[in-house]
């Protein structure tokens, strides 16, 4: 019961904070300070943003294409190495199957079914 009362109290407090915040948000938007044109604003107005955006898009497109090729080469390299390891493992497994048992006696060959 104690936990239930604490939870009700916490969620009520949270609801009150959200309500007060929601009432204060419209007032913040109305009070807008006038901006003067400063050095930074003039500098930003002189920059050709469309041209910079276009060149950045071109750079990122080229970079992502090259990165894709590198990732594909890495994937091929890893697959090649895994294939070598698998072949090596199969070879060592087949070699251990043909070795004699630790006691020195070999298993008898299966009987033939010739009648």
Protein backbone atom coordinates (compact mmCIF):
# COMPACT_ATOMS: atom_id res chain seq x y z
CA UNK A 1 0.00 0.00 0.00
CA UNK A 2 2.88 2.31 0.84
CA UNK A 3 4.38 1.85 -2.66
CA UNK A 4 1.03 2.58 -4.29
CA UNK A 5 0.68 5.90 -2.43
CA UNK A 6 4.23 6.90 -3.37
CA UNK A 7 3.57 6.08 -7.03
CA UNK A 8 0.36 8.12 -7.06
CA UNK A 9 2.22 11.04 -5.47
CA UNK A 10 5.12 10.82 -7.98
CA UNK A 11 2.88 10.65 -11.07
CA UNK A 12 0.67 13.48 -9.78
CA UNK A 13 3.78 15.63 -9.31
CA UNK A 14 5.00 14.73 -12.79
CA UNK A 15 1.60 15.60 -14.26
CA UNK A 16 1.63 18.98 -12.47
CA UNK A 17 5.11 19.78 -13.82
CA UNK A 18 4.05 18.88 -17.38
CA UNK A 19 0.89 21.00 -17.04
CA UNK A 20 2.86 24.05 -15.83
CA UNK A 21 5.40 23.58 -18.60
CA UNK A 22 2.65 23.38 -21.24
CA UNK A 23 1.10 26.61 -19.99
CA UNK A 24 4.47 28.44 -20.09
CA UNK A 25 5.48 27.36 -23.63
CA UNK A 26 3.22 29.81 -25.54
CA UNK A 27 4.58 32.76 -23.53
CA UNK A 28 8.14 31.90 -24.47
CA UNK A 29 7.30 32.01 -28.19
CA UNK A 30 5.64 35.44 -27.97
CA UNK A 31 8.54 37.28 -26.36
CA UNK A 32 11.00 37.45 -29.23
CA UNK A 33 13.90 39.87 -29.01
CA UNK A 34 14.70 41.90 -32.14
CA UNK A 35 17.92 40.79 -33.81
CA UNK A 36 20.36 43.23 -35.27
CA UNK A 37 22.51 42.33 -38.22
CA UNK A 38 25.87 41.53 -36.68
CA UNK A 39 29.15 40.38 -38.13
CA UNK A 40 28.18 36.72 -38.07
CA UNK A 41 24.86 37.35 -39.84
CA UNK A 42 26.59 39.34 -42.59
CA UNK A 43 29.20 36.62 -43.01
CA UNK A 44 26.54 33.92 -43.29
CA UNK A 45 24.66 35.98 -45.88
CA UNK A 46 27.80 36.19 -48.07
CA UNK A 47 28.45 32.44 -48.07
CA UNK A 48 27.02 30.51 -51.03
CA UNK A 49 25.15 27.92 -48.95
CA UNK A 50 23.57 26.18 -51.95
CA UNK A 51 26.97 25.61 -53.54
CA UNK A 52 28.47 24.38 -50.26
CA UNK A 53 25.54 22.03 -49.75
CA UNK A 54 25.88 20.64 -53.27
CA UNK A 55 29.62 20.04 -52.89
CA UNK A 56 29.13 18.36 -49.49
CA UNK A 57 26.47 16.08 -50.97
CA UNK A 58 28.83 15.17 -53.80
CA UNK A 59 31.69 14.48 -51.36
CA UNK A 60 29.54 12.29 -49.11
CA UNK A 61 28.17 10.35 -52.09
CA UNK A 62 31.69 9.62 -53.36
CA UNK A 63 32.89 8.77 -49.86
CA UNK A 64 30.02 6.36 -49.26
CA UNK A 65 30.60 4.64 -52.61
CA UNK A 66 34.28 4.15 -51.80
CA UNK A 67 33.44 2.97 -48.30
CA UNK A 68 31.00 0.44 -49.78
CA UNK A 69 33.75 -0.95 -52.02
CA UNK A 70 36.15 -1.23 -49.08
CA UNK A 71 33.53 -3.02 -47.01
CA UNK A 72 32.80 -5.44 -49.87
CA UNK A 73 36.54 -6.18 -50.23
CA UNK A 74 36.77 -6.79 -46.49
CA UNK A 75 33.77 -9.10 -46.66
CA UNK A 76 35.36 -11.10 -49.50
CA UNK A 77 38.65 -11.34 -47.59
CA UNK A 78 36.91 -12.60 -44.45
CA UNK A 79 34.89 -15.16 -46.44
CA UNK A 80 38.07 -16.36 -48.16
CA UNK A 81 39.87 -16.77 -44.81
CA UNK A 82 36.89 -18.59 -43.31
CA UNK A 83 36.85 -20.94 -46.29
CA UNK A 84 40.55 -21.72 -45.80
CA UNK A 85 39.99 -22.38 -42.10
CA UNK A 86 37.05 -24.66 -42.87
CA UNK A 87 39.09 -26.66 -45.40
CA UNK A 88 41.97 -26.91 -42.92
CA UNK A 89 39.59 -28.07 -40.20
CA UNK A 90 38.01 -30.69 -42.47
CA UNK A 91 41.46 -31.91 -43.49
CA UNK A 92 42.62 -32.21 -39.88
CA UNK A 93 39.36 -33.93 -38.92
CA UNK A 94 39.73 -36.51 -41.69
CA UNK A 95 43.38 -37.07 -40.68
CA UNK A 96 42.37 -37.77 -37.07
CA UNK A 97 39.78 -40.31 -38.26
CA UNK A 98 42.51 -42.40 -39.93
CA UNK A 99 44.89 -42.35 -36.94
CA UNK A 100 45.19 -45.45 -34.73
CA UNK A 101 43.49 -45.47 -31.35
CA UNK A 102 45.56 -44.45 -28.31
CA UNK A 103 45.93 -48.10 -27.18
CA UNK A 104 47.77 -48.93 -30.36
CA UNK A 105 45.20 -51.42 -31.62
CA UNK A 106 43.33 -50.54 -34.74
CA UNK A 107 39.67 -51.20 -35.15
CA UNK A 108 38.75 -54.30 -37.09
CA UNK A 109 37.38 -53.69 -40.58
CA UNK A 110 33.67 -54.32 -40.99
CA UNK A 111 32.79 -57.87 -42.02
CA UNK A 112 32.11 -58.44 -45.67
CA UNK A 113 28.71 -59.67 -46.77
CA UNK A 114 29.89 -61.99 -49.50
CA UNK A 115 28.00 -65.25 -49.52
